[in-house]
Amino acid sequence: MAAPPGLLARERNLLLALLGALALLGWAVVLWQSTAMAGEMASPTMGLDAPLFLATWIAMMVAMMFPTAAPMILTFASVSAGKRARGQAHVPTWVFVGAYLLVWSAFGVAAYLLALGAQAVATASPWLLANAARLGGGILVLAGLYQLSPLKWACLWRCRTPLTWVLHAWRDGYGGAFRMGLEHGLYCLGCCWLLFVLLFPLGIMNVGAMAALTALIFAEKSLPHGGRIGQAAGLALLAYGGLVLMVPELLPTSMPSGMEMPRDVPLPLSTPMPGDMPMPLSTPMAPSPPPPTPPGMPGM
């Protein structure tokens, strides 16, 4: 017996509202964290230990990827609901979504380890520290080239055709849904991973950059001319990266040379106040004048 179309529509709307609410919650966490850590934007690890970095990373993924992954998640939910309505085995959508998030969480662990390594190398190498902005420009150029690569578009094609991919990759049972979530997460990662690496040179908690990347990923996956938008973004990244290589100050995380704090200069904490200045010991004291002689007494 088929379920009423109205019931399926209500379930779809409920799932869409839930994804939207989770994405808004993720953005709220990101905004709060970026305000609390404004001084750490240029640090690859934001000064966080691994658990807190990973929690922040997951909040970023929920905020940025749930809106862009919504068409695929809704398609999986619709196919699963259709199977349930026909009395066939079905799996809750959260199994698919959980496996999808697991892929991005693993990428967050790898990103943290790479950030730790980069931070250690930069600290030990003054040259790398001085040329960090130019290295960021190189990452921008790399991301632009990847936007134009065949691997990028092979992964993007699967994200742009959710119904075709779900029907082709469908596997029954909880294990099948989990594997589908992993596969889609890997395709999504292959499509967008270098765009997320851009957050390191642009500022890991740069909310403006995050919003721009979210809009770009959504346009690539969902709009009719998403392919051309992605190619235009690749050309823009190439141009911006080339400019940063020539003018490093164009990168948001670069520090102007005149803004460096002085080092090894002790604060004058022990400077005496004017009233507390000691008398110089080597200065001879002037002799006191003799007392006046009383009138009528002969001098001695």
C-alpha atoms as a PDB file:
ATOM      1  CA  MET A   1       0.000   0.000   0.000  1.00  0.00           C
ATOM      2  CA  ALA A   2       1.470   3.346  -1.049  1.00  0.00           C
ATOM      3  CA  ALA A   3       1.719   6.158   1.446  1.00  0.00           C
ATOM      4  CA  PRO A   4      -0.343   9.288   0.759  1.00  0.00           C
ATOM      5  CA  PRO A   5       1.612  11.903  -1.229  1.00  0.00           C
ATOM      6  CA  GLY A   6       0.808  14.467   1.451  1.00  0.00           C
ATOM      7  CA  LEU A   7       2.529  12.346   4.096  1.00  0.00           C
ATOM      8  CA  LEU A   8       5.695  12.019   1.991  1.00  0.00           C
ATOM      9  CA  ALA A   9       5.658  15.778   1.360  1.00  0.00           C
ATOM     10  CA  ARG A  10       5.353  16.485   5.078  1.00  0.00           C
ATOM     11  CA  GLU A  11       8.251  14.142   5.851  1.00  0.00           C
ATOM     12  CA  ARG A  12      10.348  15.825   3.176  1.00  0.00           C
ATOM     13  CA  ASN A  13       9.543  19.278   4.544  1.00  0.00           C
ATOM     14  CA  LEU A  14      10.322  18.130   8.082  1.00  0.00           C
ATOM     15  CA  LEU A  15      13.696  16.759   6.992  1.00  0.00           C
ATOM     16  CA  LEU A  16      14.469  19.955   5.083  1.00  0.00           C
ATOM     17  CA  ALA A  17      13.554  22.040   8.154  1.00  0.00           C
ATOM     18  CA  LEU A  18      15.775  19.847  10.334  1.00  0.00           C
ATOM     19  CA  LEU A  19      18.746  20.237   7.966  1.00  0.00           C
ATOM     20  CA  GLY A  20      18.181  23.981   7.892  1.00  0.00           C
ATOM     21  CA  ALA A  21      17.986  24.189  11.693  1.00  0.00           C
ATOM     22  CA  LEU A  22      21.216  22.190  12.081  1.00  0.00           C
ATOM     23  CA  ALA A  23      22.954  24.397   9.515  1.00  0.00           C
ATOM     24  CA  LEU A  24      21.816  27.546  11.371  1.00  0.00           C
ATOM     25  CA  LEU A  25      23.048  26.071  14.638  1.00  0.00           C
ATOM     26  CA  GLY A  26      26.399  25.340  12.987  1.00  0.00           C
ATOM     27  CA  TRP A  27      26.637  28.947  11.768  1.00  0.00           C
ATOM     28  CA  ALA A  28      25.790  30.204  15.268  1.00  0.00           C
ATOM     29  CA  VAL A  29      28.629  28.119  16.737  1.00  0.00           C
ATOM     30  CA  VAL A  30      31.018  29.340  14.044  1.00  0.00           C
ATOM     31  CA  LEU A  31      30.088  33.005  14.619  1.00  0.00           C
ATOM     32  CA  TRP A  32      30.513  32.643  18.366  1.00  0.00           C
ATOM     33  CA  GLN A  33      33.841  30.878  17.954  1.00  0.00           C
ATOM     34  CA  SER A  34      35.155  33.414  15.446  1.00  0.00           C
ATOM     35  CA  THR A  35      34.283  36.265  17.822  1.00  0.00           C
ATOM     36  CA  ALA A  36      35.924  34.527  20.771  1.00  0.00           C
ATOM     37  CA  MET A  37      39.083  33.719  18.788  1.00  0.00           C
ATOM     38  CA  ALA A  38      39.521  36.793  16.606  1.00  0.00           C
ATOM     39  CA  GLY A  39      43.228  37.007  17.487  1.00  0.00           C
ATOM     40  CA  GLU A  40      43.912  33.414  16.417  1.00  0.00           C
ATOM     41  CA  MET A  41      42.569  33.663  12.848  1.00  0.00           C
ATOM     42  CA  ALA A  42      46.044  33.429  11.322  1.00  0.00           C
ATOM     43  CA  SER A  43      47.017  30.373  13.361  1.00  0.00           C
ATOM     44  CA  PRO A  44      46.478  27.077  11.466  1.00  0.00           C
ATOM     45  CA  THR A  45      45.163  25.290  14.566  1.00  0.00           C
ATOM     46  CA  MET A  46      43.500  28.412  16.062  1.00  0.00           C
ATOM     47  CA  GLY A  47      45.400  27.606  19.256  1.00  0.00           C
ATOM     48  CA  LEU A  48      43.007  24.699  19.956  1.00  0.00           C
ATOM     49  CA  ASP A  49      43.732  21.176  21.081  1.00  0.00           C
ATOM     50  CA  ALA A  50      42.567  18.258  18.933  1.00  0.00           C
ATOM     51  CA  PRO A  51      39.077  17.606  20.464  1.00  0.00           C
ATOM     52  CA  LEU A  52      38.029  21.270  20.395  1.00  0.00           C
ATOM     53  CA  PHE A  53      39.441  21.756  16.883  1.00  0.00           C
ATOM     54  CA  LEU A  54      37.510  18.715  15.658  1.00  0.00           C
ATOM     55  CA  ALA A  55      34.285  19.909  17.326  1.00  0.00           C
ATOM     56  CA  THR A  56      34.698  23.315  15.671  1.00  0.00           C
ATOM     57  CA  TRP A  57      35.470  21.626  12.346  1.00  0.00           C
ATOM     58  CA  ILE A  58      32.295  19.512  12.523  1.00  0.00           C
ATOM     59  CA  ALA A  59      30.258  22.645  13.275  1.00  0.00           C
ATOM     60  CA  MET A  60      31.812  24.253  10.188  1.00  0.00           C
ATOM     61  CA  MET A  61      30.973  21.215   8.062  1.00  0.00           C
ATOM     62  CA  VAL A  62      27.362  21.181   9.255  1.00  0.00           C
ATOM     63  CA  ALA A  63      27.053  24.913   8.582  1.00  0.00           C
ATOM     64  CA  MET A  64      28.641  24.809   5.134  1.00  0.00           C
ATOM     65  CA  MET A  65      27.841  21.348   3.755  1.00  0.00           C
ATOM     66  CA  PHE A  66      24.306  20.581   4.944  1.00  0.00           C
ATOM     67  CA  PRO A  67      22.807  23.291   2.672  1.00  0.00           C
ATOM     68  CA  THR A  68      24.830  22.016  -0.299  1.00  0.00           C
ATOM     69  CA  ALA A  69      24.215  18.322   0.447  1.00  0.00           C
ATOM     70  CA  ALA A  70      20.473  18.781   1.056  1.00  0.00           C
ATOM     71  CA  PRO A  71      19.417  17.675  -2.487  1.00  0.00           C
ATOM     72  CA  MET A  72      21.304  14.366  -2.141  1.00  0.00           C
ATOM     73  CA  ILE A  73      20.021  13.762   1.414  1.00  0.00           C
ATOM     74  CA  LEU A  74      16.435  14.523   0.387  1.00  0.00           C
ATOM     75  CA  THR A  75      16.749  12.203  -2.623  1.00  0.00           C
ATOM     76  CA  PHE A  76      17.972   9.357  -0.432  1.00  0.00           C
ATOM     77  CA  ALA A  77      15.122  10.012   2.027  1.00  0.00           C
ATOM     78  CA  SER A  78      12.532  10.027  -0.796  1.00  0.00           C
ATOM     79  CA  VAL A  79      13.735   6.731  -2.275  1.00  0.00           C
ATOM     80  CA  SER A  80      13.845   5.149   1.189  1.00  0.00           C
ATOM     81  CA  ALA A  81      10.343   6.445   1.969  1.00  0.00           C
ATOM     82  CA  GLY A  82       9.074   4.991  -1.319  1.00  0.00           C
ATOM     83  CA  LYS A  83      10.465   1.583  -0.383  1.00  0.00           C
ATOM     84  CA  ARG A  84       8.836   1.825   3.025  1.00  0.00           C
ATOM     85  CA  ALA A  85       5.505   2.718   1.438  1.00  0.00           C
ATOM     86  CA  ARG A  86       5.714  -0.387  -0.780  1.00  0.00           C
ATOM     87  CA  GLY A  87       6.451  -2.565   2.246  1.00  0.00           C
ATOM     88  CA  GLN A  88      10.107  -3.084   1.328  1.00  0.00           C
ATOM     89  CA  ALA A  89      13.092  -2.824   3.664  1.00  0.00           C
ATOM     90  CA  HIS A  90      14.108   0.744   4.326  1.00  0.00           C
ATOM     91  CA  VAL A  91      16.772   2.514   6.383  1.00  0.00           C
ATOM     92  CA  PRO A  92      16.529   5.784   8.367  1.00  0.00           C
ATOM     93  CA  THR A  93      18.179   8.728   6.654  1.00  0.00           C
ATOM     94  CA  TRP A  94      20.414   9.440   9.648  1.00  0.00           C
ATOM     95  CA  VAL A  95      22.524   6.357   8.771  1.00  0.00           C
ATOM     96  CA  PHE A  96      23.362   7.895   5.381  1.00  0.00           C
ATOM     97  CA  VAL A  97      23.989  11.354   6.906  1.00  0.00           C
ATOM     98  CA  GLY A  98      26.132   9.933   9.735  1.00  0.00           C
ATOM     99  CA  ALA A  99      28.457   8.165   7.310  1.00  0.00           C
ATOM    100  CA  TYR A 100      28.660  11.357   5.229  1.00  0.00           C
ATOM    101  CA  LEU A 101      29.727  13.359   8.301  1.00  0.00           C
ATOM    102  CA  LEU A 102      32.231  10.664   9.245  1.00  0.00           C
ATOM    103  CA  VAL A 103      34.147  11.293   6.017  1.00  0.00           C
ATOM    104  CA  TRP A 104      34.360  15.033   6.709  1.00  0.00           C
ATOM    105  CA  SER A 105      35.346  14.383  10.335  1.00  0.00           C
ATOM    106  CA  ALA A 106      38.226  12.170   9.156  1.00  0.00           C
ATOM    107  CA  PHE A 107      39.273  14.982   6.837  1.00  0.00           C
ATOM    108  CA  GLY A 108      39.184  17.315   9.861  1.00  0.00           C
ATOM    109  CA  VAL A 109      41.581  15.007  11.753  1.00  0.00           C
ATOM    110  CA  ALA A 110      43.951  14.994   8.771  1.00  0.00           C
ATOM    111  CA  ALA A 111      43.673  18.782   8.483  1.00  0.00           C
ATOM    112  CA  TYR A 112      44.540  19.204  12.169  1.00  0.00           C
ATOM    113  CA  LEU A 113      47.609  16.972  11.896  1.00  0.00           C
ATOM    114  CA  LEU A 114      48.800  18.826   8.794  1.00  0.00           C
ATOM    115  CA  ALA A 115      48.184  22.171  10.520  1.00  0.00           C
ATOM    116  CA  LEU A 116      50.229  21.039  13.530  1.00  0.00           C
ATOM    117  CA  GLY A 117      53.069  19.984  11.249  1.00  0.00           C
ATOM    118  CA  ALA A 118      52.961  23.227   9.272  1.00  0.00           C
ATOM    119  CA  GLN A 119      52.934  25.252  12.484  1.00  0.00           C
ATOM    120  CA  ALA A 120      55.961  23.390  13.852  1.00  0.00           C
ATOM    121  CA  VAL A 121      57.918  23.753  10.607  1.00  0.00           C
ATOM    122  CA  ALA A 122      57.069  27.466  10.332  1.00  0.00           C
ATOM    123  CA  THR A 123      58.174  28.066  13.923  1.00  0.00           C
ATOM    124  CA  ALA A 124      61.507  26.379  13.261  1.00  0.00           C
ATOM    125  CA  SER A 125      62.060  28.140   9.928  1.00  0.00           C
ATOM    126  CA  PRO A 126      62.134  31.965   9.897  1.00  0.00           C
ATOM    127  CA  TRP A 127      62.085  31.886   6.086  1.00  0.00           C
ATOM    128  CA  LEU A 128      58.789  29.981   5.991  1.00  0.00           C
ATOM    129  CA  LEU A 129      57.316  32.288   8.612  1.00  0.00           C
ATOM    130  CA  ALA A 130      58.343  35.340   6.599  1.00  0.00           C
ATOM    131  CA  ASN A 131      56.937  33.891   3.350  1.00  0.00           C
ATOM    132  CA  ALA A 132      53.722  32.376   4.772  1.00  0.00           C
ATOM    133  CA  ALA A 133      51.545  34.751   2.744  1.00  0.00           C
ATOM    134  CA  ARG A 134      53.259  33.749  -0.517  1.00  0.00           C
ATOM    135  CA  LEU A 135      52.750  30.092   0.356  1.00  0.00           C
ATOM    136  CA  GLY A 136      49.084  30.954   0.837  1.00  0.00           C
ATOM    137  CA  GLY A 137      49.111  32.473  -2.647  1.00  0.00           C
ATOM    138  CA  GLY A 138      50.475  29.188  -3.948  1.00  0.00           C
ATOM    139  CA  ILE A 139      47.560  27.342  -2.312  1.00  0.00           C
ATOM    140  CA  LEU A 140      45.132  29.730  -4.019  1.00  0.00           C
ATOM    141  CA  VAL A 141      46.740  28.977  -7.388  1.00  0.00           C
ATOM    142  CA  LEU A 142      46.586  25.241  -6.687  1.00  0.00           C
ATOM    143  CA  ALA A 143      42.890  25.496  -5.807  1.00  0.00           C
ATOM    144  CA  GLY A 144      42.238  27.394  -9.029  1.00  0.00           C
ATOM    145  CA  LEU A 145      43.966  24.705 -11.082  1.00  0.00           C
ATOM    146  CA  TYR A 146      42.022  21.963  -9.292  1.00  0.00           C
ATOM    147  CA  GLN A 147      38.755  23.729 -10.112  1.00  0.00           C
ATOM    148  CA  LEU A 148      39.573  23.178 -13.778  1.00  0.00           C
ATOM    149  CA  SER A 149      40.799  19.586 -13.441  1.00  0.00           C
ATOM    150  CA  PRO A 150      38.995  16.432 -14.725  1.00  0.00           C
ATOM    151  CA  LEU A 151      38.974  14.881 -11.223  1.00  0.00           C
ATOM    152  CA  LYS A 152      37.061  17.847  -9.859  1.00  0.00           C
ATOM    153  CA  TRP A 153      34.371  17.491 -12.513  1.00  0.00           C
ATOM    154  CA  ALA A 154      34.156  13.718 -12.237  1.00  0.00           C
ATOM    155  CA  CYS A 155      33.291  14.133  -8.553  1.00  0.00           C
ATOM    156  CA  LEU A 156      31.045  17.142  -9.137  1.00  0.00           C
ATOM    157  CA  TRP A 157      28.963  15.306 -11.747  1.00  0.00           C
ATOM    158  CA  ARG A 158      27.857  12.771  -9.128  1.00  0.00           C
ATOM    159  CA  CYS A 159      26.928  15.559  -6.729  1.00  0.00           C
ATOM    160  CA  ARG A 160      24.933  17.394  -9.426  1.00  0.00           C
ATOM    161  CA  THR A 161      22.799  14.346 -10.325  1.00  0.00           C
ATOM    162  CA  PRO A 162      21.488  13.048  -6.977  1.00  0.00           C
ATOM    163  CA  LEU A 163      18.657  10.866  -8.306  1.00  0.00           C
ATOM    164  CA  THR A 164      20.851   9.186 -10.910  1.00  0.00           C
ATOM    165  CA  TRP A 165      23.574   8.521  -8.374  1.00  0.00           C
ATOM    166  CA  VAL A 166      21.222   7.231  -5.646  1.00  0.00           C
ATOM    167  CA  LEU A 167      19.457   4.813  -7.993  1.00  0.00           C
ATOM    168  CA  HIS A 168      22.755   3.584  -9.418  1.00  0.00           C
ATOM    169  CA  ALA A 169      24.558   3.239  -6.058  1.00  0.00           C
ATOM    170  CA  TRP A 170      21.617   1.997  -3.971  1.00  0.00           C
ATOM    171  CA  ARG A 171      22.332  -0.800  -1.477  1.00  0.00           C
ATOM    172  CA  ASP A 172      19.783  -2.268   0.900  1.00  0.00           C
ATOM    173  CA  GLY A 173      20.097  -2.448   4.663  1.00  0.00           C
ATOM    174  CA  TYR A 174      21.895  -0.398   7.269  1.00  0.00           C
ATOM    175  CA  GLY A 175      25.293  -1.463   5.992  1.00  0.00           C
ATOM    176  CA  GLY A 176      24.311  -0.498   2.449  1.00  0.00           C
ATOM    177  CA  ALA A 177      23.063   2.944   3.529  1.00  0.00           C
ATOM    178  CA  PHE A 178      26.229   3.503   5.552  1.00  0.00           C
ATOM    179  CA  ARG A 179      28.389   2.558   2.554  1.00  0.00           C
ATOM    180  CA  MET A 180      26.365   4.904   0.340  1.00  0.00           C
ATOM    181  CA  GLY A 181      26.977   7.728   2.821  1.00  0.00           C
ATOM    182  CA  LEU A 182      30.704   7.013   2.787  1.00  0.00           C
ATOM    183  CA  GLU A 183      30.788   6.937  -1.025  1.00  0.00           C
ATOM    184  CA  HIS A 184      28.889  10.184  -1.355  1.00  0.00           C
ATOM    185  CA  GLY A 185      31.092  11.770   1.304  1.00  0.00           C
ATOM    186  CA  LEU A 186      34.197  10.761  -0.644  1.00  0.00           C
ATOM    187  CA  TYR A 187      32.803  12.188  -3.885  1.00  0.00           C
ATOM    188  CA  CYS A 188      31.861  15.377  -2.055  1.00  0.00           C
ATOM    189  CA  LEU A 189      35.321  15.534  -0.494  1.00  0.00           C
ATOM    190  CA  GLY A 190      36.932  15.020  -3.888  1.00  0.00           C
ATOM    191  CA  CYS A 191      34.838  17.885  -5.219  1.00  0.00           C
ATOM    192  CA  CYS A 192      35.476  20.399  -2.425  1.00  0.00           C
ATOM    193  CA  TRP A 193      38.528  19.446  -0.338  1.00  0.00           C
ATOM    194  CA  LEU A 194      40.876  22.047  -1.753  1.00  0.00           C
ATOM    195  CA  LEU A 195      38.248  24.758  -1.309  1.00  0.00           C
ATOM    196  CA  PHE A 196      38.301  23.985   2.413  1.00  0.00           C
ATOM    197  CA  VAL A 197      42.112  24.054   2.457  1.00  0.00           C
ATOM    198  CA  LEU A 198      41.723  27.676   1.316  1.00  0.00           C
ATOM    199  CA  LEU A 199      40.452  28.506   4.798  1.00  0.00           C
ATOM    200  CA  PHE A 200      43.978  28.079   6.172  1.00  0.00           C
ATOM    201  CA  PRO A 201      45.534  30.953   4.174  1.00  0.00           C
ATOM    202  CA  LEU A 202      42.303  33.004   4.233  1.00  0.00           C
ATOM    203  CA  GLY A 203      41.730  32.484   7.969  1.00  0.00           C
ATOM    204  CA  ILE A 204      40.324  29.300   9.452  1.00  0.00           C
ATOM    205  CA  MET A 205      37.531  31.246  11.200  1.00  0.00           C
ATOM    206  CA  ASN A 206      37.064  33.846   8.458  1.00  0.00           C
ATOM    207  CA  VAL A 207      33.251  33.918   8.339  1.00  0.00           C
ATOM    208  CA  GLY A 208      33.183  35.937   5.128  1.00  0.00           C
ATOM    209  CA  ALA A 209      35.371  33.389   3.328  1.00  0.00           C
ATOM    210  CA  MET A 210      33.243  30.538   4.703  1.00  0.00           C
ATOM    211  CA  ALA A 211      30.039  32.160   3.431  1.00  0.00           C
ATOM    212  CA  ALA A 212      31.582  32.759  -0.008  1.00  0.00           C
ATOM    213  CA  LEU A 213      32.780  29.144  -0.252  1.00  0.00           C
ATOM    214  CA  THR A 214      29.358  27.851   0.843  1.00  0.00           C
ATOM    215  CA  ALA A 215      27.671  29.926  -1.872  1.00  0.00           C
ATOM    216  CA  LEU A 216      30.178  28.679  -4.474  1.00  0.00           C
ATOM    217  CA  ILE A 217      29.732  25.006  -3.524  1.00  0.00           C
ATOM    218  CA  PHE A 218      25.940  25.364  -3.551  1.00  0.00           C
ATOM    219  CA  ALA A 219      26.025  27.056  -6.964  1.00  0.00           C
ATOM    220  CA  GLU A 220      28.305  24.363  -8.402  1.00  0.00           C
ATOM    221  CA  LYS A 221      26.060  21.550  -7.200  1.00  0.00           C
ATOM    222  CA  SER A 222      22.580  22.986  -7.641  1.00  0.00           C
ATOM    223  CA  LEU A 223      22.363  25.766 -10.229  1.00  0.00           C
ATOM    224  CA  PRO A 224      21.831  24.978 -13.944  1.00  0.00           C
ATOM    225  CA  HIS A 225      25.114  26.645 -14.929  1.00  0.00           C
ATOM    226  CA  GLY A 226      27.037  25.430 -11.893  1.00  0.00           C
ATOM    227  CA  GLY A 227      29.847  24.048 -14.045  1.00  0.00           C
ATOM    228  CA  ARG A 228      30.580  27.428 -15.594  1.00  0.00           C
ATOM    229  CA  ILE A 229      30.372  29.114 -12.195  1.00  0.00           C
ATOM    230  CA  GLY A 230      32.978  26.668 -10.876  1.00  0.00           C
ATOM    231  CA  GLN A 231      35.261  27.331 -13.837  1.00  0.00           C
ATOM    232  CA  ALA A 232      34.914  31.093 -13.360  1.00  0.00           C
ATOM    233  CA  ALA A 233      35.774  30.629  -9.684  1.00  0.00           C
ATOM    234  CA  GLY A 234      38.876  28.663 -10.702  1.00  0.00           C
ATOM    235  CA  LEU A 235      40.042  31.487 -12.949  1.00  0.00           C
ATOM    236  CA  ALA A 236      39.367  34.010 -10.172  1.00  0.00           C
ATOM    237  CA  LEU A 237      41.416  31.935  -7.724  1.00  0.00           C
ATOM    238  CA  LEU A 238      44.278  31.747 -10.203  1.00  0.00           C
ATOM    239  CA  ALA A 239      44.242  35.532 -10.620  1.00  0.00           C
ATOM    240  CA  TYR A 240      43.975  36.209  -6.880  1.00  0.00           C
ATOM    241  CA  GLY A 241      46.715  33.716  -6.067  1.00  0.00           C
ATOM    242  CA  GLY A 242      49.022  35.319  -8.633  1.00  0.00           C
ATOM    243  CA  LEU A 243      48.402  38.751  -7.099  1.00  0.00           C
ATOM    244  CA  VAL A 244      49.134  37.431  -3.595  1.00  0.00           C
ATOM    245  CA  LEU A 245      52.412  35.953  -4.816  1.00  0.00           C
ATOM    246  CA  MET A 246      53.405  39.431  -5.979  1.00  0.00           C
ATOM    247  CA  VAL A 247      51.744  41.443  -3.165  1.00  0.00           C
ATOM    248  CA  PRO A 248      51.498  39.236  -0.039  1.00  0.00           C
ATOM    249  CA  GLU A 249      49.641  41.963   1.894  1.00  0.00           C
ATOM    250  CA  LEU A 250      46.520  41.147  -0.175  1.00  0.00           C
ATOM    251  CA  LEU A 251      46.024  37.997   1.913  1.00  0.00           C
ATOM    252  CA  PRO A 252      43.771  38.605   4.959  1.00  0.00           C
ATOM    253  CA  THR A 253      46.046  36.658   7.314  1.00  0.00           C
ATOM    254  CA  SER A 254      49.261  38.418   6.310  1.00  0.00           C
ATOM    255  CA  MET A 255      50.807  40.818   8.822  1.00  0.00           C
ATOM    256  CA  PRO A 256      52.237  44.061   7.484  1.00  0.00           C
ATOM    257  CA  SER A 257      55.922  44.456   8.155  1.00  0.00           C
ATOM    258  CA  GLY A 258      55.354  47.597  10.185  1.00  0.00           C
ATOM    259  CA  MET A 259      52.962  45.788  12.532  1.00  0.00           C
ATOM    260  CA  GLU A 260      55.531  43.483  14.111  1.00  0.00           C
ATOM    261  CA  MET A 261      55.773  43.736  17.885  1.00  0.00           C
ATOM    262  CA  PRO A 262      59.196  44.614  19.316  1.00  0.00           C
ATOM    263  CA  ARG A 263      60.972  41.720  20.956  1.00  0.00           C
ATOM    264  CA  ASP A 264      63.500  41.420  23.811  1.00  0.00           C
ATOM    265  CA  VAL A 265      62.764  44.919  25.104  1.00  0.00           C
ATOM    266  CA  PRO A 266      62.247  44.817  28.893  1.00  0.00           C
ATOM    267  CA  LEU A 267      59.523  46.944  30.334  1.00  0.00           C
ATOM    268  CA  PRO A 268      60.795  49.716  32.688  1.00  0.00           C
ATOM    269  CA  LEU A 269      59.019  48.262  35.717  1.00  0.00           C
ATOM    270  CA  SER A 270      61.780  49.321  38.148  1.00  0.00           C
ATOM    271  CA  THR A 271      62.128  52.923  36.995  1.00  0.00           C
ATOM    272  CA  PRO A 272      62.144  55.104  40.157  1.00  0.00           C
ATOM    273  CA  MET A 273      59.713  57.955  40.571  1.00  0.00           C
ATOM    274  CA  PRO A 274      61.154  61.516  40.653  1.00  0.00           C
ATOM    275  CA  GLY A 275      60.525  61.852  44.386  1.00  0.00           C
ATOM    276  CA  ASP A 276      62.322  58.623  45.140  1.00  0.00           C
ATOM    277  CA  MET A 277      65.610  59.510  43.411  1.00  0.00           C
ATOM    278  CA  PRO A 278      68.538  58.889  45.836  1.00  0.00           C
ATOM    279  CA  MET A 279      71.061  61.576  46.558  1.00  0.00           C
ATOM    280  CA  PRO A 280      74.374  61.044  44.779  1.00  0.00           C
ATOM    281  CA  LEU A 281      76.866  59.812  47.383  1.00  0.00           C
ATOM    282  CA  SER A 282      79.889  61.401  45.755  1.00  0.00           C
ATOM    283  CA  THR A 283      78.547  64.968  45.888  1.00  0.00           C
ATOM    284  CA  PRO A 284      80.049  66.851  48.908  1.00  0.00           C
ATOM    285  CA  MET A 285      77.640  68.583  51.248  1.00  0.00           C
ATOM    286  CA  ALA A 286      77.949  72.370  51.500  1.00  0.00           C
ATOM    287  CA  PRO A 287      79.110  73.582  55.045  1.00  0.00           C
ATOM    288  CA  SER A 288      76.456  75.192  57.219  1.00  0.00           C
ATOM    289  CA  PRO A 289      76.903  78.948  57.836  1.00  0.00           C
ATOM    290  CA  PRO A 290      77.976  79.928  61.411  1.00  0.00           C
ATOM    291  CA  PRO A 291      75.236  81.193  63.726  1.00  0.00           C
ATOM    292  CA  PRO A 292      74.889  85.014  63.985  1.00  0.00           C
ATOM    293  CA  THR A 293      76.686  86.725  66.890  1.00  0.00           C
ATOM    294  CA  PRO A 294      74.322  88.291  69.480  1.00  0.00           C
ATOM    295  CA  PRO A 295      74.529  92.100  69.759  1.00  0.00           C
ATOM    296  CA  GLY A 296      76.972  93.355  72.398  1.00  0.00           C
ATOM    297  CA  MET A 297      79.022  90.168  72.546  1.00  0.00           C
ATOM    298  CA  PRO A 298      82.575  90.211  71.236  1.00  0.00           C
ATOM    299  CA  GLY A 299      83.378  87.904  68.566  1.00  0.00           C
ATOM    300  CA  MET A 300      85.283  84.734  69.359  1.00  0.00           C
END
